[in-house]
Amino acid sequence: MSARTDTDTGQLNQLHQLVAELTRRVDKLEAELAAARADTGPPPIDVVLAISAAVAAYLGKRATVRQIHFAHSRAWAQQGRAEVQASHMVAHAPHVAHGHQ
């Protein structure tokens, strides 16, 4: 059995520090997740009215919104941004080489 060297002790201390830092970070993320999942109460009336207007415009008639669920995913927002950015694509004219005469 070999004795511990200073290098082994230093590496062990670094590992302990890394584990402690990762534990703090995980605890912080878990607290943020719990706060995000907490019941935020009913949505503001202006949000309900905007959703109702969007549904009515899409269906072409008045509709009753019965339930609204907050999404915990940002996928819909990313997709919406991608569609908006794609709609702003500018078609470039082909490059014409200018020859020297």
PDB file of N, CA and C in Angstrom:
ATOM      1  N   MET A   1       0.843  -1.177   0.000  1.00  0.00           N
ATOM      2  CA  MET A   1       0.000   0.000   0.000  1.00  0.00           C
ATOM      3  C   MET A   1       0.886   1.237   0.000  1.00  0.00           C
ATOM      4  N   SER A   2       0.615   2.172  -0.896  1.00  0.00           N
ATOM      5  CA  SER A   2       1.466   3.358  -0.993  1.00  0.00           C
ATOM      6  C   SER A   2       0.857   4.515  -0.204  1.00  0.00           C
ATOM      7  N   ALA A   3       1.729   5.373   0.255  1.00  0.00           N
ATOM      8  CA  ALA A   3       1.283   6.541   1.008  1.00  0.00           C
ATOM      9  C   ALA A   3       0.745   7.580   0.031  1.00  0.00           C
ATOM     10  N   ARG A   4      -0.158   8.408   0.518  1.00  0.00           N
ATOM     11  CA  ARG A   4      -0.699   9.483  -0.318  1.00  0.00           C
ATOM     12  C   ARG A   4       0.355  10.533  -0.568  1.00  0.00           C
ATOM     13  N   THR A   5       0.380  10.990  -1.791  1.00  0.00           N
ATOM     14  CA  THR A   5       1.313  12.062  -2.129  1.00  0.00           C
ATOM     15  C   THR A   5       0.576  13.387  -2.073  1.00  0.00           C
ATOM     16  N   ASP A   6       1.340  14.468  -2.146  1.00  0.00           N
ATOM     17  CA  ASP A   6       0.723  15.805  -2.151  1.00  0.00           C
ATOM     18  C   ASP A   6      -0.179  15.978  -3.365  1.00  0.00           C
ATOM     19  N   THR A   7       0.207  15.347  -4.486  1.00  0.00           N
ATOM     20  CA  THR A   7      -0.596  15.432  -5.704  1.00  0.00           C
ATOM     21  C   THR A   7      -1.943  14.758  -5.497  1.00  0.00           C
ATOM     22  N   ASP A   8      -1.933  13.571  -4.872  1.00  0.00           N
ATOM     23  CA  ASP A   8      -3.184  12.862  -4.595  1.00  0.00           C
ATOM     24  C   ASP A   8      -4.075  13.681  -3.678  1.00  0.00           C
ATOM     25  N   THR A   9      -3.498  14.262  -2.657  1.00  0.00           N
ATOM     26  CA  THR A   9      -4.272  15.066  -1.706  1.00  0.00           C
ATOM     27  C   THR A   9      -4.844  16.302  -2.399  1.00  0.00           C
ATOM     28  N   GLY A  10      -4.040  16.946  -3.248  1.00  0.00           N
ATOM     29  CA  GLY A  10      -4.517  18.117  -3.981  1.00  0.00           C
ATOM     30  C   GLY A  10      -5.661  17.775  -4.918  1.00  0.00           C
ATOM     31  N   GLN A  11      -5.534  16.649  -5.623  1.00  0.00           N
ATOM     32  CA  GLN A  11      -6.593  16.224  -6.535  1.00  0.00           C
ATOM     33  C   GLN A  11      -7.863  15.871  -5.756  1.00  0.00           C
ATOM     34  N   LEU A  12      -7.696  15.238  -4.613  1.00  0.00           N
ATOM     35  CA  LEU A  12      -8.849  14.879  -3.779  1.00  0.00           C
ATOM     36  C   LEU A  12      -9.562  16.133  -3.276  1.00  0.00           C
ATOM     37  N   ASN A  13      -8.778  17.139  -2.882  1.00  0.00           N
ATOM     38  CA  ASN A  13      -9.379  18.406  -2.438  1.00  0.00           C
ATOM     39  C   ASN A  13     -10.126  19.088  -3.584  1.00  0.00           C
ATOM     40  N   GLN A  14      -9.549  19.036  -4.791  1.00  0.00           N
ATOM     41  CA  GLN A  14     -10.229  19.620  -5.958  1.00  0.00           C
ATOM     42  C   GLN A  14     -11.546  18.905  -6.224  1.00  0.00           C
ATOM     43  N   LEU A  15     -11.539  17.586  -6.113  1.00  0.00           N
ATOM     44  CA  LEU A  15     -12.776  16.825  -6.322  1.00  0.00           C
ATOM     45  C   LEU A  15     -13.830  17.185  -5.292  1.00  0.00           C
ATOM     46  N   HIS A  16     -13.418  17.326  -4.032  1.00  0.00           N
ATOM     47  CA  HIS A  16     -14.366  17.713  -2.978  1.00  0.00           C
ATOM     48  C   HIS A  16     -14.957  19.094  -3.272  1.00  0.00           C
ATOM     49  N   GLN A  17     -14.115  20.020  -3.732  1.00  0.00           N
ATOM     50  CA  GLN A  17     -14.594  21.364  -4.058  1.00  0.00           C
ATOM     51  C   GLN A  17     -15.557  21.337  -5.240  1.00  0.00           C
ATOM     52  N   LEU A  18     -15.230  20.539  -6.258  1.00  0.00           N
ATOM     53  CA  LEU A  18     -16.114  20.430  -7.414  1.00  0.00           C
ATOM     54  C   LEU A  18     -17.462  19.824  -7.033  1.00  0.00           C
ATOM     55  N   VAL A  19     -17.443  18.791  -6.202  1.00  0.00           N
ATOM     56  CA  VAL A  19     -18.692  18.166  -5.762  1.00  0.00           C
ATOM     57  C   VAL A  19     -19.516  19.162  -4.951  1.00  0.00           C
ATOM     58  N   ALA A  20     -18.864  19.920  -4.075  1.00  0.00           N
ATOM     59  CA  ALA A  20     -19.578  20.917  -3.277  1.00  0.00           C
ATOM     60  C   ALA A  20     -20.195  21.993  -4.174  1.00  0.00           C
ATOM     61  N   GLU A  21     -19.447  22.464  -5.180  1.00  0.00           N
ATOM     62  CA  GLU A  21     -19.960  23.481  -6.100  1.00  0.00           C
ATOM     63  C   GLU A  21     -21.129  22.933  -6.916  1.00  0.00           C
ATOM     64  N   LEU A  22     -21.000  21.718  -7.414  1.00  0.00           N
ATOM     65  CA  LEU A  22     -22.094  21.113  -8.183  1.00  0.00           C
ATOM     66  C   LEU A  22     -23.326  20.906  -7.312  1.00  0.00           C
ATOM     67  N   THR A  23     -23.136  20.538  -6.073  1.00  0.00           N
ATOM     68  CA  THR A  23     -24.267  20.376  -5.154  1.00  0.00           C
ATOM     69  C   THR A  23     -24.986  21.704  -4.951  1.00  0.00           C
ATOM     70  N   ARG A  24     -24.219  22.789  -4.780  1.00  0.00           N
ATOM     71  CA  ARG A  24     -24.840  24.124  -4.634  1.00  0.00           C
ATOM     72  C   ARG A  24     -25.619  24.496  -5.887  1.00  0.00           C
ATOM     73  N   ARG A  25     -25.042  24.220  -7.058  1.00  0.00           N
ATOM     74  CA  ARG A  25     -25.717  24.563  -8.309  1.00  0.00           C
ATOM     75  C   ARG A  25     -26.992  23.753  -8.506  1.00  0.00           C
ATOM     76  N   VAL A  26     -26.949  22.467  -8.198  1.00  0.00           N
ATOM     77  CA  VAL A  26     -28.140  21.625  -8.326  1.00  0.00           C
ATOM     78  C   VAL A  26     -29.220  22.097  -7.357  1.00  0.00           C
ATOM     79  N   ASP A  27     -28.832  22.419  -6.137  1.00  0.00           N
ATOM     80  CA  ASP A  27     -29.811  22.922  -5.164  1.00  0.00           C
ATOM     81  C   ASP A  27     -30.475  24.208  -5.664  1.00  0.00           C
ATOM     82  N   LYS A  28     -29.683  25.104  -6.250  1.00  0.00           N
ATOM     83  CA  LYS A  28     -30.227  26.358  -6.782  1.00  0.00           C
ATOM     84  C   LYS A  28     -31.197  26.081  -7.928  1.00  0.00           C
ATOM     85  N   LEU A  29     -30.811  25.192  -8.844  1.00  0.00           N
ATOM     86  CA  LEU A  29     -31.680  24.865  -9.978  1.00  0.00           C
ATOM     87  C   LEU A  29     -32.964  24.185  -9.526  1.00  0.00           C
ATOM     88  N   GLU A  30     -32.874  23.311  -8.538  1.00  0.00           N
ATOM     89  CA  GLU A  30     -34.076  22.658  -8.025  1.00  0.00           C
ATOM     90  C   GLU A  30     -35.014  23.672  -7.386  1.00  0.00           C
ATOM     91  N   ALA A  31     -34.453  24.663  -6.685  1.00  0.00           N
ATOM     92  CA  ALA A  31     -35.289  25.707  -6.078  1.00  0.00           C
ATOM     93  C   ALA A  31     -35.964  26.551  -7.161  1.00  0.00           C
ATOM     94  N   GLU A  32     -35.231  26.887  -8.227  1.00  0.00           N
ATOM     95  CA  GLU A  32     -35.814  27.648  -9.329  1.00  0.00           C
ATOM     96  C   GLU A  32     -36.908  26.851 -10.031  1.00  0.00           C
ATOM     97  N   LEU A  33     -36.680  25.559 -10.210  1.00  0.00           N
ATOM     98  CA  LEU A  33     -37.679  24.710 -10.850  1.00  0.00           C
ATOM     99  C   LEU A  33     -38.943  24.624 -10.000  1.00  0.00           C
ATOM    100  N   ALA A  34     -38.768  24.473  -8.704  1.00  0.00           N
ATOM    101  CA  ALA A  34     -39.927  24.408  -7.809  1.00  0.00           C
ATOM    102  C   ALA A  34     -40.713  25.718  -7.859  1.00  0.00           C
ATOM    103  N   ALA A  35     -40.012  26.837  -7.909  1.00  0.00           N
ATOM    104  CA  ALA A  35     -40.691  28.137  -7.989  1.00  0.00           C
ATOM    105  C   ALA A  35     -41.428  28.278  -9.314  1.00  0.00           C
ATOM    106  N   ALA A  36     -40.832  27.782 -10.393  1.00  0.00           N
ATOM    107  CA  ALA A  36     -41.467  27.875 -11.708  1.00  0.00           C
ATOM    108  C   ALA A  36     -42.701  26.995 -11.789  1.00  0.00           C
ATOM    109  N   ARG A  37     -42.678  25.884 -11.082  1.00  0.00           N
ATOM    110  CA  ARG A  37     -43.812  24.960 -11.116  1.00  0.00           C
ATOM    111  C   ARG A  37     -44.907  25.336 -10.126  1.00  0.00           C
ATOM    112  N   ALA A  38     -44.619  26.274  -9.249  1.00  0.00           N
ATOM    113  CA  ALA A  38     -45.601  26.680  -8.244  1.00  0.00           C
ATOM    114  C   ALA A  38     -46.833  27.257  -8.922  1.00  0.00           C
ATOM    115  N   ASP A  39     -47.958  27.086  -8.290  1.00  0.00           N
ATOM    116  CA  ASP A  39     -49.211  27.610  -8.833  1.00  0.00           C
ATOM    117  C   ASP A  39     -49.134  29.125  -8.845  1.00  0.00           C
ATOM    118  N   THR A  40     -49.271  29.701 -10.017  1.00  0.00           N
ATOM    119  CA  THR A  40     -49.162  31.149 -10.156  1.00  0.00           C
ATOM    120  C   THR A  40     -50.520  31.839 -10.061  1.00  0.00           C
ATOM    121  N   GLY A  41     -51.562  31.074  -9.829  1.00  0.00           N
ATOM    122  CA  GLY A  41     -52.889  31.664  -9.748  1.00  0.00           C
ATOM    123  C   GLY A  41     -53.491  31.828 -11.127  1.00  0.00           C
ATOM    124  N   PRO A  42     -54.671  32.426 -11.190  1.00  0.00           N
ATOM    125  CA  PRO A  42     -55.335  32.586 -12.487  1.00  0.00           C
ATOM    126  C   PRO A  42     -54.580  33.596 -13.351  1.00  0.00           C
ATOM    127  N   PRO A  43     -54.669  33.420 -14.661  1.00  0.00           N
ATOM    128  CA  PRO A  43     -53.992  34.372 -15.551  1.00  0.00           C
ATOM    129  C   PRO A  43     -54.702  35.726 -15.497  1.00  0.00           C
ATOM    130  N   PRO A  44     -53.982  36.793 -15.783  1.00  0.00           N
ATOM    131  CA  PRO A  44     -54.591  38.125 -15.799  1.00  0.00           C
ATOM    132  C   PRO A  44     -55.713  38.181 -16.844  1.00  0.00           C
ATOM    133  N   ILE A  45     -56.707  39.014 -16.605  1.00  0.00           N
ATOM    134  CA  ILE A  45     -57.876  39.103 -17.475  1.00  0.00           C
ATOM    135  C   ILE A  45     -57.486  39.525 -18.886  1.00  0.00           C
ATOM    136  N   ASP A  46     -56.459  40.385 -19.026  1.00  0.00           N
ATOM    137  CA  ASP A  46     -56.067  40.804 -20.374  1.00  0.00           C
ATOM    138  C   ASP A  46     -55.501  39.637 -21.184  1.00  0.00           C
ATOM    139  N   VAL A  47     -54.863  38.673 -20.504  1.00  0.00           N
ATOM    140  CA  VAL A  47     -54.361  37.485 -21.189  1.00  0.00           C
ATOM    141  C   VAL A  47     -55.542  36.624 -21.641  1.00  0.00           C
ATOM    142  N   VAL A  48     -56.538  36.459 -20.780  1.00  0.00           N
ATOM    143  CA  VAL A  48     -57.720  35.668 -21.125  1.00  0.00           C
ATOM    144  C   VAL A  48     -58.457  36.305 -22.304  1.00  0.00           C
ATOM    145  N   LEU A  49     -58.577  37.634 -22.292  1.00  0.00           N
ATOM    146  CA  LEU A  49     -59.248  38.331 -23.396  1.00  0.00           C
ATOM    147  C   LEU A  49     -58.469  38.184 -24.704  1.00  0.00           C
ATOM    148  N   ALA A  50     -57.153  38.259 -24.633  1.00  0.00           N
ATOM    149  CA  ALA A  50     -56.336  38.104 -25.841  1.00  0.00           C
ATOM    150  C   ALA A  50     -56.470  36.689 -26.406  1.00  0.00           C
ATOM    151  N   ILE A  51     -56.474  35.688 -25.534  1.00  0.00           N
ATOM    152  CA  ILE A  51     -56.633  34.302 -25.984  1.00  0.00           C
ATOM    153  C   ILE A  51     -58.021  34.115 -26.590  1.00  0.00           C
ATOM    154  N   SER A  52     -59.043  34.675 -25.954  1.00  0.00           N
ATOM    155  CA  SER A  52     -60.408  34.568 -26.471  1.00  0.00           C
ATOM    156  C   SER A  52     -60.526  35.211 -27.844  1.00  0.00           C
ATOM    157  N   ALA A  53     -59.905  36.383 -28.016  1.00  0.00           N
ATOM    158  CA  ALA A  53     -59.954  37.068 -29.306  1.00  0.00           C
ATOM    159  C   ALA A  53     -59.230  36.252 -30.381  1.00  0.00           C
ATOM    160  N   ALA A  54     -58.096  35.654 -30.022  1.00  0.00           N
ATOM    161  CA  ALA A  54     -57.360  34.841 -30.993  1.00  0.00           C
ATOM    162  C   ALA A  54     -58.159  33.610 -31.406  1.00  0.00           C
ATOM    163  N   VAL A  55     -58.812  32.974 -30.441  1.00  0.00           N
ATOM    164  CA  VAL A  55     -59.635  31.795 -30.744  1.00  0.00           C
ATOM    165  C   VAL A  55     -60.801  32.196 -31.637  1.00  0.00           C
ATOM    166  N   ALA A  56     -61.453  33.314 -31.299  1.00  0.00           N
ATOM    167  CA  ALA A  56     -62.591  33.776 -32.099  1.00  0.00           C
ATOM    168  C   ALA A  56     -62.155  34.114 -33.522  1.00  0.00           C
ATOM    169  N   ALA A  57     -61.005  34.758 -33.665  1.00  0.00           N
ATOM    170  CA  ALA A  57     -60.515  35.112 -35.006  1.00  0.00           C
ATOM    171  C   ALA A  57     -60.181  33.854 -35.801  1.00  0.00           C
ATOM    172  N   TYR A  58     -59.599  32.872 -35.147  1.00  0.00           N
ATOM    173  CA  TYR A  58     -59.222  31.637 -35.841  1.00  0.00           C
ATOM    174  C   TYR A  58     -60.454  30.841 -36.262  1.00  0.00           C
ATOM    175  N   LEU A  59     -61.438  30.737 -35.357  1.00  0.00           N
ATOM    176  CA  LEU A  59     -62.630  29.941 -35.648  1.00  0.00           C
ATOM    177  C   LEU A  59     -63.661  30.700 -36.472  1.00  0.00           C
ATOM    178  N   GLY A  60     -63.553  32.012 -36.488  1.00  0.00           N
ATOM    179  CA  GLY A  60     -64.514  32.816 -37.230  1.00  0.00           C
ATOM    180  C   GLY A  60     -65.821  33.020 -36.482  1.00  0.00           C
ATOM    181  N   LYS A  61     -65.867  32.657 -35.233  1.00  0.00           N
ATOM    182  CA  LYS A  61     -67.057  32.872 -34.405  1.00  0.00           C
ATOM    183  C   LYS A  61     -66.631  32.979 -32.952  1.00  0.00           C
ATOM    184  N   ARG A  62     -67.530  33.480 -32.156  1.00  0.00           N
ATOM    185  CA  ARG A  62     -67.253  33.642 -30.737  1.00  0.00           C
ATOM    186  C   ARG A  62     -67.162  32.270 -30.075  1.00  0.00           C
ATOM    187  N   ALA A  63     -66.175  32.096 -29.239  1.00  0.00           N
ATOM    188  CA  ALA A  63     -65.979  30.825 -28.539  1.00  0.00           C
ATOM    189  C   ALA A  63     -65.694  31.106 -27.075  1.00  0.00           C
ATOM    190  N   THR A  64     -66.028  30.175 -26.239  1.00  0.00           N
ATOM    191  CA  THR A  64     -65.787  30.323 -24.808  1.00  0.00           C
ATOM    192  C   THR A  64     -64.502  29.586 -24.440  1.00  0.00           C
ATOM    193  N   VAL A  65     -63.591  30.297 -23.789  1.00  0.00           N
ATOM    194  CA  VAL A  65     -62.366  29.678 -23.298  1.00  0.00           C
ATOM    195  C   VAL A  65     -62.684  29.084 -21.932  1.00  0.00           C
ATOM    196  N   ARG A  66     -62.534  27.778 -21.812  1.00  0.00           N
ATOM    197  CA  ARG A  66     -62.882  27.103 -20.559  1.00  0.00           C
ATOM    198  C   ARG A  66     -61.680  26.874 -19.657  1.00  0.00           C
ATOM    199  N   GLN A  67     -60.532  26.615 -20.244  1.00  0.00           N
ATOM    200  CA  GLN A  67     -59.328  26.374 -19.456  1.00  0.00           C
ATOM    201  C   GLN A  67     -58.117  26.967 -20.159  1.00  0.00           C
ATOM    202  N   ILE A  68     -57.200  27.444 -19.343  1.00  0.00           N
ATOM    203  CA  ILE A  68     -55.932  27.946 -19.850  1.00  0.00           C
ATOM    204  C   ILE A  68     -54.842  27.315 -19.005  1.00  0.00           C
ATOM    205  N   HIS A  69     -53.853  26.731 -19.661  1.00  0.00           N
ATOM    206  CA  HIS A  69     -52.736  26.120 -18.951  1.00  0.00           C
ATOM    207  C   HIS A  69     -51.454  26.839 -19.345  1.00  0.00           C
ATOM    208  N   PHE A  70     -50.655  27.184 -18.344  1.00  0.00           N
ATOM    209  CA  PHE A  70     -49.363  27.783 -18.624  1.00  0.00           C
ATOM    210  C   PHE A  70     -48.423  26.706 -19.124  1.00  0.00           C
ATOM    211  N   ALA A  71     -47.715  26.991 -20.178  1.00  0.00           N
ATOM    212  CA  ALA A  71     -46.750  26.042 -20.739  1.00  0.00           C
ATOM    213  C   ALA A  71     -45.412  26.237 -20.043  1.00  0.00           C
ATOM    214  N   HIS A  72     -44.768  25.145 -19.712  1.00  0.00           N
ATOM    215  CA  HIS A  72     -43.454  25.211 -19.078  1.00  0.00           C
ATOM    216  C   HIS A  72     -42.346  24.991 -20.099  1.00  0.00           C
ATOM    217  N   SER A  73     -42.719  24.964 -21.370  1.00  0.00           N
ATOM    218  CA  SER A  73     -41.756  24.726 -22.431  1.00  0.00           C
ATOM    219  C   SER A  73     -41.625  25.982 -23.274  1.00  0.00           C
ATOM    220  N   ARG A  74     -40.463  26.197 -23.787  1.00  0.00           N
ATOM    221  CA  ARG A  74     -40.248  27.351 -24.655  1.00  0.00           C
ATOM    222  C   ARG A  74     -40.224  26.947 -26.121  1.00  0.00           C
ATOM    223  N   ALA A  75     -40.580  25.697 -26.395  1.00  0.00           N
ATOM    224  CA  ALA A  75     -40.519  25.200 -27.772  1.00  0.00           C
ATOM    225  C   ALA A  75     -41.435  26.000 -28.692  1.00  0.00           C
ATOM    226  N   TRP A  76     -42.648  26.338 -28.231  1.00  0.00           N
ATOM    227  CA  TRP A  76     -43.576  27.073 -29.083  1.00  0.00           C
ATOM    228  C   TRP A  76     -43.030  28.458 -29.413  1.00  0.00           C
ATOM    229  N   ALA A  77     -42.356  29.093 -28.458  1.00  0.00           N
ATOM    230  CA  ALA A  77     -41.789  30.417 -28.697  1.00  0.00           C
ATOM    231  C   ALA A  77     -40.647  30.333 -29.696  1.00  0.00           C
ATOM    232  N   GLN A  78     -39.811  29.307 -29.564  1.00  0.00           N
ATOM    233  CA  GLN A  78     -38.710  29.134 -30.498  1.00  0.00           C
ATOM    234  C   GLN A  78     -39.234  28.879 -31.907  1.00  0.00           C
ATOM    235  N   GLN A  79     -40.278  28.083 -32.021  1.00  0.00           N
ATOM    236  CA  GLN A  79     -40.851  27.799 -33.331  1.00  0.00           C
ATOM    237  C   GLN A  79     -41.445  29.064 -33.937  1.00  0.00           C
ATOM    238  N   GLY A  80     -42.130  29.848 -33.119  1.00  0.00           N
ATOM    239  CA  GLY A  80     -42.712  31.101 -33.609  1.00  0.00           C
ATOM    240  C   GLY A  80     -41.658  32.066 -34.096  1.00  0.00           C
ATOM    241  N   ARG A  81     -40.560  32.198 -33.342  1.00  0.00           N
ATOM    242  CA  ARG A  81     -39.475  33.081 -33.770  1.00  0.00           C
ATOM    243  C   ARG A  81     -38.860  32.597 -35.072  1.00  0.00           C
ATOM    244  N   ALA A  82     -38.682  31.287 -35.202  1.00  0.00           N
ATOM    245  CA  ALA A  82     -38.096  30.732 -36.424  1.00  0.00           C
ATOM    246  C   ALA A  82     -38.981  31.034 -37.629  1.00  0.00           C
ATOM    247  N   GLU A  83     -40.306  30.924 -37.460  1.00  0.00           N
ATOM    248  CA  GLU A  83     -41.223  31.204 -38.562  1.00  0.00           C
ATOM    249  C   GLU A  83     -41.194  32.677 -38.945  1.00  0.00           C
ATOM    250  N   VAL A  84     -41.137  33.558 -37.949  1.00  0.00           N
ATOM    251  CA  VAL A  84     -41.087  34.989 -38.231  1.00  0.00           C
ATOM    252  C   VAL A  84     -39.791  35.329 -38.953  1.00  0.00           C
ATOM    253  N   GLN A  85     -38.684  34.774 -38.473  1.00  0.00           N
ATOM    254  CA  GLN A  85     -37.404  35.054 -39.117  1.00  0.00           C
ATOM    255  C   GLN A  85     -37.371  34.506 -40.538  1.00  0.00           C
ATOM    256  N   ALA A  86     -37.960  33.341 -40.744  1.00  0.00           N
ATOM    257  CA  ALA A  86     -37.978  32.754 -42.090  1.00  0.00           C
ATOM    258  C   ALA A  86     -38.842  33.591 -43.030  1.00  0.00           C
ATOM    259  N   SER A  87     -39.883  34.225 -42.509  1.00  0.00           N
ATOM    260  CA  SER A  87     -40.755  35.027 -43.363  1.00  0.00           C
ATOM    261  C   SER A  87     -40.078  36.324 -43.799  1.00  0.00           C
ATOM    262  N   HIS A  88     -38.997  36.686 -43.134  1.00  0.00           N
ATOM    263  CA  HIS A  88     -38.286  37.910 -43.471  1.00  0.00           C
ATOM    264  C   HIS A  88     -37.056  37.650 -44.333  1.00  0.00           C
ATOM    265  N   MET A  89     -36.960  36.460 -44.865  1.00  0.00           N
ATOM    266  CA  MET A  89     -35.816  36.147 -45.718  1.00  0.00           C
ATOM    267  C   MET A  89     -35.884  37.010 -46.967  1.00  0.00           C
ATOM    268  N   VAL A  90     -34.786  37.588 -47.325  1.00  0.00           N
ATOM    269  CA  VAL A  90     -34.714  38.446 -48.500  1.00  0.00           C
ATOM    270  C   VAL A  90     -34.045  37.652 -49.610  1.00  0.00           C
ATOM    271  N   ALA A  91     -34.708  37.617 -50.750  1.00  0.00           N
ATOM    272  CA  ALA A  91     -34.120  36.937 -51.896  1.00  0.00           C
ATOM    273  C   ALA A  91     -33.104  37.880 -52.519  1.00  0.00           C
ATOM    274  N   HIS A  92     -31.895  37.437 -52.596  1.00  0.00           N
ATOM    275  CA  HIS A  92     -30.833  38.255 -53.163  1.00  0.00           C
ATOM    276  C   HIS A  92     -30.759  38.028 -54.668  1.00  0.00           C
ATOM    277  N   ALA A  93     -30.502  39.113 -55.393  1.00  0.00           N
ATOM    278  CA  ALA A  93     -30.324  39.008 -56.846  1.00  0.00           C
ATOM    279  C   ALA A  93     -29.014  38.280 -57.102  1.00  0.00           C
ATOM    280  N   PRO A  94     -28.962  37.525 -58.177  1.00  0.00           N
ATOM    281  CA  PRO A  94     -27.707  36.822 -58.459  1.00  0.00           C
ATOM    282  C   PRO A  94     -26.580  37.822 -58.698  1.00  0.00           C
ATOM    283  N   HIS A  95     -25.419  37.439 -58.267  1.00  0.00           N
ATOM    284  CA  HIS A  95     -24.246  38.320 -58.399  1.00  0.00           C
ATOM    285  C   HIS A  95     -23.795  38.331 -59.861  1.00  0.00           C
ATOM    286  N   VAL A  96     -23.605  39.517 -60.361  1.00  0.00           N
ATOM    287  CA  VAL A  96     -23.135  39.663 -61.736  1.00  0.00           C
ATOM    288  C   VAL A  96     -21.684  40.061 -61.679  1.00  0.00           C
ATOM    289  N   ALA A  97     -20.842  39.269 -62.288  1.00  0.00           N
ATOM    290  CA  ALA A  97     -19.410  39.582 -62.293  1.00  0.00           C
ATOM    291  C   ALA A  97     -19.157  40.715 -63.270  1.00  0.00           C
ATOM    292  N   HIS A  98     -18.415  41.687 -62.835  1.00  0.00           N
ATOM    293  CA  HIS A  98     -18.061  42.817 -63.701  1.00  0.00           C
ATOM    294  C   HIS A  98     -16.699  42.539 -64.324  1.00  0.00           C
ATOM    295  N   GLY A  99     -16.682  42.378 -65.634  1.00  0.00           N
ATOM    296  CA  GLY A  99     -15.420  42.111 -66.317  1.00  0.00           C
ATOM    297  C   GLY A  99     -14.749  43.399 -66.710  1.00  0.00           C
ATOM    298  N   HIS A 100     -13.462  43.405 -66.708  1.00  0.00           N
ATOM    299  CA  HIS A 100     -12.718  44.591 -67.138  1.00  0.00           C
ATOM    300  C   HIS A 100     -12.586  44.569 -68.646  1.00  0.00           C
ATOM    301  N   GLN A 101     -12.893  45.676 -69.293  1.00  0.00           N
ATOM    302  CA  GLN A 101     -12.799  45.727 -70.761  1.00  0.00           C
ATOM    303  C   GLN A 101     -11.644  46.537 -71.194  1.00  0.00           C
TER     304      GLN A 101
END
